[in-house]
Amino acid sequence: MSFKQLTAFLLGLCFVVLAALQYQGPDAAIWIAIFLAAAIFSFTTALERINRVILWMAFVAYAAAAYYFWPGEAALSQGIAIVNGTLRFWALVFASFAMLLLVIISKRSTSLHPPHAPGHVTAKLKKWAN
């Protein structure tokens, strides 16, 4: 297992734990979906099945959500544990930095053409075209 796969797998496990911790919240379904989406991004990066453009879009989405949940200076000066939105803010900051890390370690770039695997439809068409 390479460093990239190990890192992406561990981040995926962290997001599954974050999703499990949201179970008792008042809007649990939304937050579980948000963190499970990040876990799916992490696991697909470990399996090298996701495009970097999608990871960039996930980074922008999580960073925008973190900006939206910014608690303000007064809440941050009082401490993390007293405001529920502050904990969600830090979880979204973690998710956005995790997506940025996945973009950096991912090598799969954008391709508009399907892969040319042996036995693929395009490979058969090319053989008959000659």
N, C-alpha and C. Protein backbone atom coordinates (compact mmCIF):
# COMPACT_ATOMS: atom_id res chain seq x y z
N MET A 1 0.85 -1.17 0.00
CA MET A 1 0.00 0.00 0.00
C MET A 1 0.89 1.23 0.00
N SER A 2 0.64 2.14 -0.93
CA SER A 2 1.47 3.33 -1.06
C SER A 2 1.06 4.40 -0.05
N PHE A 3 1.88 5.43 0.04
CA PHE A 3 1.60 6.54 0.95
C PHE A 3 0.28 7.20 0.59
N LYS A 4 0.04 7.39 -0.70
CA LYS A 4 -1.20 8.03 -1.15
C LYS A 4 -2.41 7.21 -0.75
N GLN A 5 -2.35 5.91 -0.97
CA GLN A 5 -3.48 5.05 -0.63
C GLN A 5 -3.72 5.01 0.87
N LEU A 6 -2.65 4.93 1.64
CA LEU A 6 -2.78 4.89 3.10
C LEU A 6 -3.37 6.21 3.62
N THR A 7 -2.88 7.33 3.11
CA THR A 7 -3.38 8.63 3.54
C THR A 7 -4.86 8.79 3.19
N ALA A 8 -5.22 8.44 1.97
CA ALA A 8 -6.61 8.58 1.55
C ALA A 8 -7.52 7.64 2.34
N PHE A 9 -7.05 6.43 2.62
CA PHE A 9 -7.85 5.48 3.39
C PHE A 9 -8.06 5.97 4.82
N LEU A 10 -7.01 6.50 5.45
CA LEU A 10 -7.14 7.01 6.82
C LEU A 10 -8.07 8.23 6.88
N LEU A 11 -7.98 9.10 5.87
CA LEU A 11 -8.91 10.24 5.82
C LEU A 11 -10.34 9.76 5.66
N GLY A 12 -10.54 8.73 4.85
CA GLY A 12 -11.88 8.17 4.69
C GLY A 12 -12.42 7.62 5.99
N LEU A 13 -11.58 6.94 6.75
CA LEU A 13 -12.01 6.43 8.06
C LEU A 13 -12.35 7.58 9.02
N CYS A 14 -11.57 8.66 8.97
CA CYS A 14 -11.88 9.82 9.82
C CYS A 14 -13.24 10.41 9.47
N PHE A 15 -13.56 10.47 8.19
CA PHE A 15 -14.86 11.02 7.78
C PHE A 15 -16.00 10.09 8.15
N VAL A 16 -15.77 8.78 8.13
CA VAL A 16 -16.81 7.84 8.57
C VAL A 16 -17.07 8.04 10.07
N VAL A 17 -16.01 8.25 10.84
CA VAL A 17 -16.17 8.50 12.28
C VAL A 17 -16.90 9.82 12.50
N LEU A 18 -16.55 10.86 11.74
CA LEU A 18 -17.26 12.14 11.87
C LEU A 18 -18.74 11.98 11.52
N ALA A 19 -19.04 11.19 10.51
CA ALA A 19 -20.44 10.95 10.15
C ALA A 19 -21.16 10.21 11.28
N ALA A 20 -20.49 9.25 11.90
CA ALA A 20 -21.11 8.50 13.00
C ALA A 20 -21.36 9.39 14.22
N LEU A 21 -20.49 10.37 14.45
CA LEU A 21 -20.67 11.26 15.59
C LEU A 21 -21.84 12.23 15.40
N GLN A 22 -22.32 12.39 14.17
CA GLN A 22 -23.43 13.31 13.90
C GLN A 22 -24.79 12.66 14.13
N TYR A 23 -24.83 11.41 14.54
CA TYR A 23 -26.06 10.63 14.62
C TYR A 23 -27.12 11.27 15.51
N GLN A 24 -26.76 11.84 16.63
CA GLN A 24 -27.73 12.38 17.59
C GLN A 24 -28.08 13.85 17.35
N GLY A 25 -27.52 14.45 16.33
CA GLY A 25 -27.78 15.87 16.07
C GLY A 25 -29.18 16.14 15.56
N PRO A 26 -29.62 17.39 15.65
CA PRO A 26 -30.97 17.73 15.19
C PRO A 26 -31.13 17.63 13.67
N ASP A 27 -30.07 17.88 12.93
CA ASP A 27 -30.11 17.77 11.48
C ASP A 27 -29.07 16.74 11.02
N ALA A 28 -29.18 15.57 11.60
CA ALA A 28 -28.17 14.53 11.41
C ALA A 28 -28.06 14.05 9.97
N ALA A 29 -29.15 13.94 9.27
CA ALA A 29 -29.12 13.39 7.91
C ALA A 29 -28.25 14.24 6.98
N ILE A 30 -28.35 15.56 7.13
CA ILE A 30 -27.57 16.46 6.28
C ILE A 30 -26.08 16.29 6.56
N TRP A 31 -25.70 16.29 7.83
CA TRP A 31 -24.28 16.23 8.18
C TRP A 31 -23.69 14.85 7.92
N ILE A 32 -24.48 13.82 8.11
CA ILE A 32 -24.00 12.47 7.78
C ILE A 32 -23.73 12.38 6.29
N ALA A 33 -24.62 12.94 5.47
CA ALA A 33 -24.41 12.93 4.02
C ALA A 33 -23.17 13.73 3.62
N ILE A 34 -22.95 14.86 4.27
CA ILE A 34 -21.78 15.69 3.97
C ILE A 34 -20.50 14.93 4.27
N PHE A 35 -20.42 14.30 5.42
CA PHE A 35 -19.18 13.61 5.79
C PHE A 35 -19.02 12.28 5.07
N LEU A 36 -20.11 11.61 4.76
CA LEU A 36 -19.99 10.37 3.98
C LEU A 36 -19.58 10.66 2.54
N ALA A 37 -19.99 11.80 2.00
CA ALA A 37 -19.52 12.20 0.67
C ALA A 37 -18.00 12.40 0.68
N ALA A 38 -17.49 13.04 1.74
CA ALA A 38 -16.04 13.21 1.86
C ALA A 38 -15.34 11.86 2.01
N ALA A 39 -15.97 10.93 2.72
CA ALA A 39 -15.40 9.58 2.86
C ALA A 39 -15.36 8.88 1.51
N ILE A 40 -16.41 9.04 0.71
CA ILE A 40 -16.42 8.43 -0.62
C ILE A 40 -15.33 9.02 -1.49
N PHE A 41 -15.16 10.35 -1.43
CA PHE A 41 -14.07 10.97 -2.17
C PHE A 41 -12.72 10.41 -1.74
N SER A 42 -12.54 10.21 -0.45
CA SER A 42 -11.26 9.69 0.05
C SER A 42 -11.03 8.25 -0.40
N PHE A 43 -12.05 7.41 -0.27
CA PHE A 43 -11.88 6.01 -0.65
C PHE A 43 -11.68 5.85 -2.15
N THR A 44 -12.37 6.66 -2.97
CA THR A 44 -12.15 6.57 -4.41
C THR A 44 -10.78 7.10 -4.82
N THR A 45 -10.23 8.03 -4.04
CA THR A 45 -8.86 8.46 -4.30
C THR A 45 -7.89 7.35 -3.96
N ALA A 46 -8.16 6.62 -2.88
CA ALA A 46 -7.29 5.49 -2.53
C ALA A 46 -7.31 4.42 -3.61
N LEU A 47 -8.45 4.26 -4.26
CA LEU A 47 -8.57 3.26 -5.33
C LEU A 47 -8.22 3.83 -6.70
N GLU A 48 -7.84 5.11 -6.75
CA GLU A 48 -7.48 5.82 -7.98
C GLU A 48 -8.62 5.78 -9.00
N ARG A 49 -9.83 6.07 -8.55
CA ARG A 49 -11.01 6.05 -9.41
C ARG A 49 -11.70 7.40 -9.51
N ILE A 50 -11.05 8.46 -9.07
CA ILE A 50 -11.69 9.78 -9.09
C ILE A 50 -10.77 10.77 -9.77
N ASN A 51 -11.39 11.72 -10.42
CA ASN A 51 -10.69 12.73 -11.18
C ASN A 51 -10.28 13.89 -10.27
N ARG A 52 -9.16 14.55 -10.60
CA ARG A 52 -8.71 15.68 -9.79
C ARG A 52 -9.68 16.86 -9.87
N VAL A 53 -10.36 17.01 -10.99
CA VAL A 53 -11.32 18.13 -11.12
C VAL A 53 -12.45 17.97 -10.11
N ILE A 54 -12.91 16.77 -9.91
CA ILE A 54 -13.97 16.52 -8.92
C ILE A 54 -13.46 16.82 -7.52
N LEU A 55 -12.22 16.46 -7.24
CA LEU A 55 -11.64 16.77 -5.93
C LEU A 55 -11.47 18.27 -5.74
N TRP A 56 -11.11 18.99 -6.80
CA TRP A 56 -11.02 20.45 -6.71
C TRP A 56 -12.39 21.05 -6.41
N MET A 57 -13.43 20.53 -7.09
CA MET A 57 -14.79 21.04 -6.83
C MET A 57 -15.22 20.72 -5.40
N ALA A 58 -14.85 19.55 -4.88
CA ALA A 58 -15.18 19.20 -3.50
C ALA A 58 -14.45 20.13 -2.53
N PHE A 59 -13.19 20.44 -2.83
CA PHE A 59 -12.43 21.38 -1.98
C PHE A 59 -13.13 22.73 -1.94
N VAL A 60 -13.53 23.25 -3.09
CA VAL A 60 -14.20 24.55 -3.14
C VAL A 60 -15.52 24.51 -2.38
N ALA A 61 -16.26 23.41 -2.53
CA ALA A 61 -17.56 23.30 -1.85
C ALA A 61 -17.39 23.25 -0.33
N TYR A 62 -16.43 22.45 0.14
CA TYR A 62 -16.22 22.36 1.59
C TYR A 62 -15.64 23.66 2.15
N ALA A 63 -14.79 24.34 1.39
CA ALA A 63 -14.25 25.63 1.86
C ALA A 63 -15.36 26.68 1.91
N ALA A 64 -16.26 26.67 0.92
CA ALA A 64 -17.38 27.62 0.94
C ALA A 64 -18.32 27.32 2.11
N ALA A 65 -18.54 26.06 2.40
CA ALA A 65 -19.39 25.70 3.54
C ALA A 65 -18.73 26.11 4.85
N ALA A 66 -17.42 25.95 4.94
CA ALA A 66 -16.71 26.38 6.15
C ALA A 66 -16.80 27.89 6.32
N TYR A 67 -16.70 28.63 5.21
CA TYR A 67 -16.84 30.07 5.28
C TYR A 67 -18.25 30.46 5.73
N TYR A 68 -19.25 29.73 5.25
CA TYR A 68 -20.63 30.00 5.63
C TYR A 68 -20.85 29.75 7.12
N PHE A 69 -20.20 28.73 7.68
CA PHE A 69 -20.37 28.40 9.09
C PHE A 69 -19.35 29.09 10.00
N TRP A 70 -18.63 30.08 9.48
CA TRP A 70 -17.67 30.83 10.29
C TRP A 70 -18.40 31.42 11.49
N PRO A 71 -17.99 31.05 12.71
CA PRO A 71 -18.76 31.47 13.88
C PRO A 71 -18.54 32.92 14.30
N GLY A 72 -17.51 33.56 13.83
CA GLY A 72 -17.22 34.93 14.24
C GLY A 72 -16.20 34.97 15.36
N GLU A 73 -15.65 36.13 15.57
CA GLU A 73 -14.58 36.29 16.56
C GLU A 73 -15.06 36.06 17.99
N ALA A 74 -16.28 36.47 18.31
CA ALA A 74 -16.77 36.33 19.68
C ALA A 74 -16.91 34.86 20.08
N ALA A 75 -17.43 34.04 19.17
CA ALA A 75 -17.60 32.62 19.49
C ALA A 75 -16.26 31.92 19.58
N LEU A 76 -15.31 32.30 18.73
CA LEU A 76 -14.00 31.66 18.78
C LEU A 76 -13.24 32.03 20.04
N SER A 77 -13.43 33.24 20.55
CA SER A 77 -12.71 33.65 21.75
C SER A 77 -13.29 32.98 23.00
N GLN A 78 -14.55 32.53 22.96
CA GLN A 78 -15.16 31.88 24.12
C GLN A 78 -14.80 30.41 24.21
N GLY A 79 -14.29 29.84 23.17
CA GLY A 79 -13.90 28.42 23.20
C GLY A 79 -14.68 27.61 22.19
N ILE A 80 -14.10 26.47 21.84
CA ILE A 80 -14.69 25.64 20.79
C ILE A 80 -15.92 24.88 21.29
N ALA A 81 -15.91 24.38 22.48
CA ALA A 81 -16.92 23.43 22.92
C ALA A 81 -18.30 24.04 23.19
N ILE A 82 -18.40 25.36 23.33
CA ILE A 82 -19.68 25.91 23.76
C ILE A 82 -20.64 26.17 22.61
N VAL A 83 -20.16 26.26 21.39
CA VAL A 83 -21.02 26.57 20.26
C VAL A 83 -20.99 25.38 19.30
N ASN A 84 -22.18 24.80 19.03
CA ASN A 84 -22.26 23.65 18.16
C ASN A 84 -21.81 23.99 16.74
N GLY A 85 -22.13 25.19 16.26
CA GLY A 85 -21.71 25.61 14.93
C GLY A 85 -20.21 25.71 14.79
N THR A 86 -19.51 26.01 15.89
CA THR A 86 -18.06 26.09 15.85
C THR A 86 -17.44 24.73 15.59
N LEU A 87 -18.00 23.69 16.20
CA LEU A 87 -17.49 22.34 15.94
C LEU A 87 -17.71 21.96 14.49
N ARG A 88 -18.84 22.31 13.95
CA ARG A 88 -19.11 22.00 12.55
C ARG A 88 -18.21 22.82 11.63
N PHE A 89 -17.92 24.05 12.03
CA PHE A 89 -16.98 24.87 11.26
C PHE A 89 -15.63 24.18 11.17
N TRP A 90 -15.11 23.72 12.31
CA TRP A 90 -13.79 23.07 12.30
C TRP A 90 -13.82 21.74 11.55
N ALA A 91 -14.94 21.03 11.60
CA ALA A 91 -15.05 19.80 10.82
C ALA A 91 -15.05 20.09 9.33
N LEU A 92 -15.69 21.17 8.91
CA LEU A 92 -15.68 21.55 7.50
C LEU A 92 -14.32 22.07 7.06
N VAL A 93 -13.62 22.76 7.95
CA VAL A 93 -12.25 23.18 7.64
C VAL A 93 -11.36 21.95 7.44
N PHE A 94 -11.51 20.95 8.32
CA PHE A 94 -10.77 19.70 8.18
C PHE A 94 -11.10 19.02 6.85
N ALA A 95 -12.38 19.01 6.48
CA ALA A 95 -12.80 18.39 5.23
C ALA A 95 -12.22 19.12 4.03
N SER A 96 -12.21 20.44 4.07
CA SER A 96 -11.66 21.19 2.93
C SER A 96 -10.16 20.97 2.80
N PHE A 97 -9.43 20.97 3.91
CA PHE A 97 -7.99 20.70 3.82
C PHE A 97 -7.71 19.26 3.41
N ALA A 98 -8.57 18.34 3.83
CA ALA A 98 -8.40 16.95 3.40
C ALA A 98 -8.61 16.82 1.89
N MET A 99 -9.60 17.54 1.35
CA MET A 99 -9.82 17.50 -0.11
C MET A 99 -8.63 18.11 -0.84
N LEU A 100 -8.06 19.18 -0.29
CA LEU A 100 -6.87 19.78 -0.90
C LEU A 100 -5.71 18.80 -0.87
N LEU A 101 -5.53 18.09 0.23
CA LEU A 101 -4.47 17.09 0.31
C LEU A 101 -4.70 15.97 -0.71
N LEU A 102 -5.95 15.56 -0.88
CA LEU A 102 -6.25 14.52 -1.86
C LEU A 102 -5.99 15.00 -3.28
N VAL A 103 -6.24 16.28 -3.55
CA VAL A 103 -5.91 16.83 -4.87
C VAL A 103 -4.42 16.78 -5.11
N ILE A 104 -3.65 17.13 -4.09
CA ILE A 104 -2.19 17.16 -4.23
C ILE A 104 -1.62 15.77 -4.46
N ILE A 105 -2.12 14.77 -3.73
CA ILE A 105 -1.53 13.44 -3.86
C ILE A 105 -2.14 12.62 -4.99
N SER A 106 -3.27 13.08 -5.55
CA SER A 106 -3.90 12.35 -6.64
C SER A 106 -3.15 12.62 -7.94
N LYS A 107 -3.05 11.58 -8.77
CA LYS A 107 -2.35 11.74 -10.04
C LYS A 107 -3.28 11.65 -11.24
N ARG A 108 -4.51 11.28 -11.03
CA ARG A 108 -5.43 11.09 -12.14
C ARG A 108 -5.92 12.43 -12.64
N SER A 109 -5.63 12.74 -13.89
CA SER A 109 -6.02 14.02 -14.46
C SER A 109 -7.24 13.86 -15.35
N THR A 110 -7.69 14.96 -15.89
CA THR A 110 -8.89 14.97 -16.70
C THR A 110 -8.63 14.35 -18.06
N SER A 111 -9.54 13.51 -18.50
CA SER A 111 -9.46 12.92 -19.82
C SER A 111 -10.88 12.81 -20.37
N LEU A 112 -11.08 13.32 -21.57
CA LEU A 112 -12.39 13.26 -22.18
C LEU A 112 -12.60 11.97 -22.96
N HIS A 113 -11.56 11.21 -23.15
CA HIS A 113 -11.64 9.98 -23.93
C HIS A 113 -11.68 8.77 -23.00
N PRO A 114 -12.43 7.73 -23.39
CA PRO A 114 -12.46 6.53 -22.55
C PRO A 114 -11.12 5.80 -22.61
N PRO A 115 -10.83 5.01 -21.60
CA PRO A 115 -9.56 4.27 -21.61
C PRO A 115 -9.57 3.22 -22.73
N HIS A 116 -8.41 2.99 -23.32
CA HIS A 116 -8.29 2.01 -24.39
C HIS A 116 -7.78 0.70 -23.81
N ALA A 117 -8.69 -0.01 -23.20
CA ALA A 117 -8.35 -1.30 -22.60
C ALA A 117 -8.51 -2.39 -23.66
N PRO A 118 -7.75 -3.48 -23.52
CA PRO A 118 -7.93 -4.58 -24.47
C PRO A 118 -9.36 -5.13 -24.37
N GLY A 119 -9.97 -5.34 -25.52
CA GLY A 119 -11.33 -5.83 -25.53
C GLY A 119 -12.38 -4.75 -25.44
N HIS A 120 -11.94 -3.49 -25.31
CA HIS A 120 -12.87 -2.37 -25.23
C HIS A 120 -13.51 -2.15 -26.60
N VAL A 121 -14.68 -1.56 -26.64
CA VAL A 121 -15.43 -1.38 -27.89
C VAL A 121 -14.62 -0.60 -28.91
N THR A 122 -13.93 0.46 -28.48
CA THR A 122 -13.16 1.26 -29.43
C THR A 122 -11.99 0.47 -29.99
N ALA A 123 -11.40 -0.42 -29.19
CA ALA A 123 -10.30 -1.26 -29.69
C ALA A 123 -10.81 -2.21 -30.77
N LYS A 124 -12.01 -2.74 -30.61
CA LYS A 124 -12.59 -3.64 -31.62
C LYS A 124 -12.92 -2.88 -32.89
N LEU A 125 -13.41 -1.65 -32.75
CA LEU A 125 -13.74 -0.86 -33.94
C LEU A 125 -12.48 -0.52 -34.72
N LYS A 126 -11.41 -0.19 -34.04
CA LYS A 126 -10.17 0.14 -34.72
C LYS A 126 -9.64 -1.07 -35.47
N LYS A 127 -9.81 -2.26 -34.92
CA LYS A 127 -9.31 -3.46 -35.58
C LYS A 127 -10.07 -3.69 -36.89
N TRP A 128 -11.37 -3.46 -36.90
CA TRP A 128 -12.17 -3.68 -38.09
C TRP A 128 -12.01 -2.54 -39.11
N ALA A 129 -11.54 -1.40 -38.67
CA ALA A 129 -11.40 -0.27 -39.59
C ALA A 129 -10.26 -0.46 -40.55
N ASN A 130 -9.29 -1.29 -40.23
CA ASN A 130 -8.13 -1.49 -41.12
C ASN A 130 -8.47 -2.36 -42.25
